[in-house]
Amino acid sequence: MAVLNVLVVDESRKRAAEICAGLACAGYQVAAVLSSAYDLHLRVEELKPDVILIQTDSPSRDTLEHMAAMDREKPRPVIVFANESDSKTIRRAMKAGVSAYVVDGLEAKRIKPIIDVALAQFEEHQELRRARDEARQKLSDRITIDRAKGVLMKLRGIDEDAAYHTLRKLAMERGKTIAAVSEDLLATARLLG
């Protein structure tokens, strides 16, 4: 298995050096050390780390916003080590895409198991996202196909099965999905008014 690259974010240079030493001892490579999460999504795109580790007293609103932007564009497992144990702060961090929120500091011997848990949590979350997005797309396609069938039924005076077979035939002829052909048909119908 390849060595994981970890992006470290910590405003304290001394603490960051300790974290980097702990990561190296645990077999990880440090991609870079940032003093803040400002333009995190840009730095993630540039550095392409496998994991992001943030050490802070309490994640600020700005830090959480930068993490959320990064999570939308370039999702990565994010681990936050913080002193703040307020449940609202933890919930906001989790909503921003944090895979693991650890209170009471970072000890070198805990790094590997925490990263392993964060990776597993991240993979599970990504799988749930994929399943959700796939279900949304299927529902959207089904609605589009049903609308297109309705247009064909009205224009040609045919039943639902015949309308579906017409869409299917068009899809095969054009090398497109039935949903794409349905969208084309609906766009044409909108133009013709």
C-alpha atoms as a PDB file:
ATOM      1  CA  MET A   1       0.000   0.000   0.000  1.00  0.00           C
ATOM      2  CA  ALA A   2       1.256   3.479  -0.885  1.00  0.00           C
ATOM      3  CA  VAL A   3       2.302   5.932   1.791  1.00  0.00           C
ATOM      4  CA  LEU A   4      -0.478   8.414   2.532  1.00  0.00           C
ATOM      5  CA  ASN A   5       0.228  12.122   2.121  1.00  0.00           C
ATOM      6  CA  VAL A   6      -1.131  14.210   4.984  1.00  0.00           C
ATOM      7  CA  LEU A   7      -1.764  17.950   4.817  1.00  0.00           C
ATOM      8  CA  VAL A   8      -1.277  19.473   8.271  1.00  0.00           C
ATOM      9  CA  VAL A   9      -3.067  22.679   9.290  1.00  0.00           C
ATOM     10  CA  ASP A  10      -1.988  24.215  12.585  1.00  0.00           C
ATOM     11  CA  GLU A  11      -1.454  27.845  13.588  1.00  0.00           C
ATOM     12  CA  SER A  12       1.258  26.773  16.034  1.00  0.00           C
ATOM     13  CA  ARG A  13       4.623  26.001  14.356  1.00  0.00           C
ATOM     14  CA  LYS A  14       5.838  24.097  17.410  1.00  0.00           C
ATOM     15  CA  ARG A  15       2.731  21.914  17.583  1.00  0.00           C
ATOM     16  CA  ALA A  16       2.874  21.359  13.803  1.00  0.00           C
ATOM     17  CA  ALA A  17       6.465  20.123  14.095  1.00  0.00           C
ATOM     18  CA  GLU A  18       5.387  17.621  16.763  1.00  0.00           C
ATOM     19  CA  ILE A  19       2.504  16.454  14.571  1.00  0.00           C
ATOM     20  CA  CYS A  20       4.823  16.025  11.579  1.00  0.00           C
ATOM     21  CA  ALA A  21       7.227  13.960  13.676  1.00  0.00           C
ATOM     22  CA  GLY A  22       4.345  11.775  14.871  1.00  0.00           C
ATOM     23  CA  LEU A  23       3.088  11.321  11.323  1.00  0.00           C
ATOM     24  CA  ALA A  24       6.560  10.342  10.100  1.00  0.00           C
ATOM     25  CA  CYS A  25       6.901   7.790  12.942  1.00  0.00           C
ATOM     26  CA  ALA A  26       3.499   6.338  12.010  1.00  0.00           C
ATOM     27  CA  GLY A  27       4.620   5.905   8.390  1.00  0.00           C
ATOM     28  CA  TYR A  28       2.892   8.876   6.774  1.00  0.00           C
ATOM     29  CA  GLN A  29       4.344  11.573   4.539  1.00  0.00           C
ATOM     30  CA  VAL A  30       3.594  15.243   5.189  1.00  0.00           C
ATOM     31  CA  ALA A  31       2.417  16.979   1.997  1.00  0.00           C
ATOM     32  CA  ALA A  32       2.667  20.462   3.537  1.00  0.00           C
ATOM     33  CA  VAL A  33       2.067  22.450   6.724  1.00  0.00           C
ATOM     34  CA  LEU A  34      -0.368  25.366   6.579  1.00  0.00           C
ATOM     35  CA  SER A  35      -0.882  27.924   9.315  1.00  0.00           C
ATOM     36  CA  SER A  36      -4.609  28.329   8.494  1.00  0.00           C
ATOM     37  CA  ALA A  37      -7.408  26.718   6.507  1.00  0.00           C
ATOM     38  CA  TYR A  38      -7.701  29.818   4.316  1.00  0.00           C
ATOM     39  CA  ASP A  39      -8.021  28.689   0.630  1.00  0.00           C
ATOM     40  CA  LEU A  40      -7.949  25.093   1.792  1.00  0.00           C
ATOM     41  CA  HIS A  41      -9.754  23.927  -1.345  1.00  0.00           C
ATOM     42  CA  LEU A  42      -7.095  25.577  -3.559  1.00  0.00           C
ATOM     43  CA  ARG A  43      -4.241  24.047  -1.578  1.00  0.00           C
ATOM     44  CA  VAL A  44      -5.917  20.633  -1.692  1.00  0.00           C
ATOM     45  CA  GLU A  45      -6.213  20.909  -5.468  1.00  0.00           C
ATOM     46  CA  GLU A  46      -2.544  21.901  -5.696  1.00  0.00           C
ATOM     47  CA  LEU A  47      -1.099  19.373  -3.213  1.00  0.00           C
ATOM     48  CA  LYS A  48      -3.581  16.498  -3.627  1.00  0.00           C
ATOM     49  CA  PRO A  49      -3.199  15.132  -0.088  1.00  0.00           C
ATOM     50  CA  ASP A  50      -4.835  11.864   0.892  1.00  0.00           C
ATOM     51  CA  VAL A  51      -5.789  13.114   4.369  1.00  0.00           C
ATOM     52  CA  ILE A  52      -6.101  16.526   6.016  1.00  0.00           C
ATOM     53  CA  LEU A  53      -5.229  16.885   9.688  1.00  0.00           C
ATOM     54  CA  ILE A  54      -6.236  20.110  11.450  1.00  0.00           C
ATOM     55  CA  GLN A  55      -5.032  20.936  14.961  1.00  0.00           C
ATOM     56  CA  THR A  56      -6.824  23.854  16.606  1.00  0.00           C
ATOM     57  CA  ASP A  57      -8.198  25.009  19.914  1.00  0.00           C
ATOM     58  CA  SER A  58     -11.638  25.350  18.323  1.00  0.00           C
ATOM     59  CA  PRO A  59     -12.470  25.364  14.603  1.00  0.00           C
ATOM     60  CA  SER A  60     -13.572  28.857  13.638  1.00  0.00           C
ATOM     61  CA  ARG A  61     -16.564  29.585  11.446  1.00  0.00           C
ATOM     62  CA  ASP A  62     -14.173  30.527   8.618  1.00  0.00           C
ATOM     63  CA  THR A  63     -12.264  27.261   8.986  1.00  0.00           C
ATOM     64  CA  LEU A  64     -15.532  25.298   8.839  1.00  0.00           C
ATOM     65  CA  GLU A  65     -16.644  27.244   5.750  1.00  0.00           C
ATOM     66  CA  HIS A  66     -13.326  26.505   4.011  1.00  0.00           C
ATOM     67  CA  MET A  67     -13.653  22.824   4.921  1.00  0.00           C
ATOM     68  CA  ALA A  68     -17.223  22.713   3.578  1.00  0.00           C
ATOM     69  CA  ALA A  69     -16.122  24.330   0.286  1.00  0.00           C
ATOM     70  CA  MET A  70     -13.307  21.820  -0.013  1.00  0.00           C
ATOM     71  CA  ASP A  71     -15.675  18.947   0.806  1.00  0.00           C
ATOM     72  CA  ARG A  72     -18.002  19.983  -2.043  1.00  0.00           C
ATOM     73  CA  GLU A  73     -15.229  20.359  -4.617  1.00  0.00           C
ATOM     74  CA  LYS A  74     -12.427  17.993  -3.574  1.00  0.00           C
ATOM     75  CA  PRO A  75     -13.634  15.748  -0.748  1.00  0.00           C
ATOM     76  CA  ARG A  76     -10.897  14.287   1.432  1.00  0.00           C
ATOM     77  CA  PRO A  77     -10.856  12.660   4.859  1.00  0.00           C
ATOM     78  CA  VAL A  78     -10.470  15.459   7.409  1.00  0.00           C
ATOM     79  CA  ILE A  79      -9.417  14.916  11.000  1.00  0.00           C
ATOM     80  CA  VAL A  80      -9.770  17.750  13.496  1.00  0.00           C
ATOM     81  CA  PHE A  81      -7.905  17.676  16.801  1.00  0.00           C
ATOM     82  CA  ALA A  82      -9.426  20.316  19.034  1.00  0.00           C
ATOM     83  CA  ASN A  83      -9.764  21.341  22.648  1.00  0.00           C
ATOM     84  CA  GLU A  84     -13.374  22.477  22.109  1.00  0.00           C
ATOM     85  CA  SER A  85     -15.841  19.746  23.060  1.00  0.00           C
ATOM     86  CA  ASP A  86     -19.041  21.765  22.579  1.00  0.00           C
ATOM     87  CA  SER A  87     -21.617  19.562  20.811  1.00  0.00           C
ATOM     88  CA  LYS A  88     -22.720  22.406  18.503  1.00  0.00           C
ATOM     89  CA  THR A  89     -19.145  22.925  17.324  1.00  0.00           C
ATOM     90  CA  ILE A  90     -18.713  19.201  16.739  1.00  0.00           C
ATOM     91  CA  ARG A  91     -21.975  19.026  14.751  1.00  0.00           C
ATOM     92  CA  ARG A  92     -20.951  22.009  12.608  1.00  0.00           C
ATOM     93  CA  ALA A  93     -17.579  20.368  11.964  1.00  0.00           C
ATOM     94  CA  MET A  94     -19.196  17.088  10.931  1.00  0.00           C
ATOM     95  CA  LYS A  95     -21.571  18.944   8.589  1.00  0.00           C
ATOM     96  CA  ALA A  96     -18.546  20.662   7.042  1.00  0.00           C
ATOM     97  CA  GLY A  97     -17.136  17.265   6.069  1.00  0.00           C
ATOM     98  CA  VAL A  98     -14.980  16.294   9.039  1.00  0.00           C
ATOM     99  CA  SER A  99     -14.471  12.511   9.197  1.00  0.00           C
ATOM    100  CA  ALA A 100     -13.124  12.459  12.767  1.00  0.00           C
ATOM    101  CA  TYR A 101     -13.311  15.109  15.494  1.00  0.00           C
ATOM    102  CA  VAL A 102     -10.943  14.291  18.342  1.00  0.00           C
ATOM    103  CA  VAL A 103     -10.972  16.178  21.640  1.00  0.00           C
ATOM    104  CA  ASP A 104      -8.073  16.329  24.123  1.00  0.00           C
ATOM    105  CA  GLY A 105      -5.139  16.692  21.819  1.00  0.00           C
ATOM    106  CA  LEU A 106      -2.993  14.521  19.674  1.00  0.00           C
ATOM    107  CA  GLU A 107      -0.630  11.850  20.896  1.00  0.00           C
ATOM    108  CA  ALA A 108       1.777  10.176  18.473  1.00  0.00           C
ATOM    109  CA  LYS A 109       0.612   6.645  19.377  1.00  0.00           C
ATOM    110  CA  ARG A 110      -2.999   7.573  18.519  1.00  0.00           C
ATOM    111  CA  ILE A 111      -2.273   8.945  15.029  1.00  0.00           C
ATOM    112  CA  LYS A 112      -2.464   5.718  13.009  1.00  0.00           C
ATOM    113  CA  PRO A 113      -5.694   4.329  14.516  1.00  0.00           C
ATOM    114  CA  ILE A 114      -7.377   7.724  14.273  1.00  0.00           C
ATOM    115  CA  ILE A 115      -6.400   8.091  10.615  1.00  0.00           C
ATOM    116  CA  ASP A 116      -7.593   4.525   9.935  1.00  0.00           C
ATOM    117  CA  VAL A 117     -10.984   5.301  11.506  1.00  0.00           C
ATOM    118  CA  ALA A 118     -11.244   8.609   9.596  1.00  0.00           C
ATOM    119  CA  LEU A 119     -10.465   6.856   6.302  1.00  0.00           C
ATOM    120  CA  ALA A 120     -13.115   4.197   6.945  1.00  0.00           C
ATOM    121  CA  GLN A 121     -15.656   6.841   7.967  1.00  0.00           C
ATOM    122  CA  PHE A 122     -14.855   8.936   4.886  1.00  0.00           C
ATOM    123  CA  GLU A 123     -15.205   5.952   2.524  1.00  0.00           C
ATOM    124  CA  GLU A 124     -18.555   5.034   4.067  1.00  0.00           C
ATOM    125  CA  HIS A 125     -19.768   8.633   3.767  1.00  0.00           C
ATOM    126  CA  GLN A 126     -18.648   8.817   0.123  1.00  0.00           C
ATOM    127  CA  GLU A 127     -20.486   5.566  -0.652  1.00  0.00           C
ATOM    128  CA  LEU A 128     -23.656   6.976   0.907  1.00  0.00           C
ATOM    129  CA  ARG A 129     -23.236  10.154  -1.173  1.00  0.00           C
ATOM    130  CA  ARG A 130     -22.826   8.122  -4.363  1.00  0.00           C
ATOM    131  CA  ALA A 131     -25.931   6.067  -3.565  1.00  0.00           C
ATOM    132  CA  ARG A 132     -27.929   9.227  -2.788  1.00  0.00           C
ATOM    133  CA  ASP A 133     -26.789  10.953  -5.983  1.00  0.00           C
ATOM    134  CA  GLU A 134     -27.572   7.854  -8.038  1.00  0.00           C
ATOM    135  CA  ALA A 135     -31.067   7.619  -6.522  1.00  0.00           C
ATOM    136  CA  ARG A 136     -31.683  11.322  -7.207  1.00  0.00           C
ATOM    137  CA  GLN A 137     -30.543  10.904 -10.813  1.00  0.00           C
ATOM    138  CA  LYS A 138     -32.773   7.863 -11.329  1.00  0.00           C
ATOM    139  CA  LEU A 139     -35.760   9.757  -9.932  1.00  0.00           C
ATOM    140  CA  SER A 140     -34.991  12.766 -12.114  1.00  0.00           C
ATOM    141  CA  ASP A 141     -34.650  10.512 -15.188  1.00  0.00           C
ATOM    142  CA  ARG A 142     -37.930   8.770 -14.360  1.00  0.00           C
ATOM    143  CA  ILE A 143     -39.745  12.129 -14.110  1.00  0.00           C
ATOM    144  CA  THR A 144     -38.229  13.300 -17.414  1.00  0.00           C
ATOM    145  CA  ILE A 145     -39.206  10.061 -19.166  1.00  0.00           C
ATOM    146  CA  ASP A 146     -42.755  10.243 -17.785  1.00  0.00           C
ATOM    147  CA  ARG A 147     -43.132  13.830 -18.990  1.00  0.00           C
ATOM    148  CA  ALA A 148     -41.814  12.921 -22.429  1.00  0.00           C
ATOM    149  CA  LYS A 149     -44.224   9.986 -22.620  1.00  0.00           C
ATOM    150  CA  GLY A 150     -47.035  12.400 -21.728  1.00  0.00           C
ATOM    151  CA  VAL A 151     -46.040  14.729 -24.576  1.00  0.00           C
ATOM    152  CA  LEU A 152     -45.946  11.833 -27.071  1.00  0.00           C
ATOM    153  CA  MET A 153     -49.263  10.473 -25.833  1.00  0.00           C
ATOM    154  CA  LYS A 154     -50.897  13.866 -26.301  1.00  0.00           C
ATOM    155  CA  LEU A 155     -49.309  14.682 -29.678  1.00  0.00           C
ATOM    156  CA  ARG A 156     -49.686  11.254 -31.288  1.00  0.00           C
ATOM    157  CA  GLY A 157     -52.759   9.997 -29.462  1.00  0.00           C
ATOM    158  CA  ILE A 158     -50.967   6.832 -28.326  1.00  0.00           C
ATOM    159  CA  ASP A 159     -50.972   4.906 -25.075  1.00  0.00           C
ATOM    160  CA  GLU A 160     -48.177   4.870 -22.476  1.00  0.00           C
ATOM    161  CA  ASP A 161     -46.557   1.634 -23.717  1.00  0.00           C
ATOM    162  CA  ALA A 162     -46.388   2.924 -27.287  1.00  0.00           C
ATOM    163  CA  ALA A 163     -44.914   6.223 -26.071  1.00  0.00           C
ATOM    164  CA  TYR A 164     -42.235   4.363 -24.093  1.00  0.00           C
ATOM    165  CA  HIS A 165     -41.382   2.140 -27.077  1.00  0.00           C
ATOM    166  CA  THR A 166     -41.081   5.264 -29.258  1.00  0.00           C
ATOM    167  CA  LEU A 167     -38.628   6.807 -26.780  1.00  0.00           C
ATOM    168  CA  ARG A 168     -36.681   3.556 -26.534  1.00  0.00           C
ATOM    169  CA  LYS A 169     -36.442   3.260 -30.335  1.00  0.00           C
ATOM    170  CA  LEU A 170     -35.232   6.877 -30.617  1.00  0.00           C
ATOM    171  CA  ALA A 171     -32.641   6.243 -27.895  1.00  0.00           C
ATOM    172  CA  MET A 172     -31.259   3.195 -29.711  1.00  0.00           C
ATOM    173  CA  GLU A 173     -31.182   5.007 -33.056  1.00  0.00           C
ATOM    174  CA  ARG A 174     -29.339   8.000 -31.594  1.00  0.00           C
ATOM    175  CA  GLY A 175     -27.053   6.063 -29.246  1.00  0.00           C
ATOM    176  CA  LYS A 176     -28.378   7.956 -26.235  1.00  0.00           C
ATOM    177  CA  THR A 177     -30.125   7.033 -23.036  1.00  0.00           C
ATOM    178  CA  ILE A 178     -33.899   7.134 -22.892  1.00  0.00           C
ATOM    179  CA  ALA A 179     -33.600   9.960 -20.362  1.00  0.00           C
ATOM    180  CA  ALA A 180     -31.406  12.018 -22.745  1.00  0.00           C
ATOM    181  CA  VAL A 181     -33.821  11.485 -25.648  1.00  0.00           C
ATOM    182  CA  SER A 182     -36.705  12.401 -23.348  1.00  0.00           C
ATOM    183  CA  GLU A 183     -34.937  15.622 -22.342  1.00  0.00           C
ATOM    184  CA  ASP A 184     -34.361  16.461 -26.024  1.00  0.00           C
ATOM    185  CA  LEU A 185     -38.044  15.840 -26.787  1.00  0.00           C
ATOM    186  CA  LEU A 186     -39.151  18.036 -23.878  1.00  0.00           C
ATOM    187  CA  ALA A 187     -36.783  20.825 -24.985  1.00  0.00           C
ATOM    188  CA  THR A 188     -38.234  20.682 -28.495  1.00  0.00           C
ATOM    189  CA  ALA A 189     -41.780  20.712 -27.107  1.00  0.00           C
ATOM    190  CA  ARG A 190     -40.928  23.819 -25.046  1.00  0.00           C
ATOM    191  CA  LEU A 191     -39.588  25.559 -28.157  1.00  0.00           C
ATOM    192  CA  LEU A 192     -42.706  24.760 -30.135  1.00  0.00           C
ATOM    193  CA  GLY A 193     -44.736  26.030 -27.264  1.00  0.00           C
END
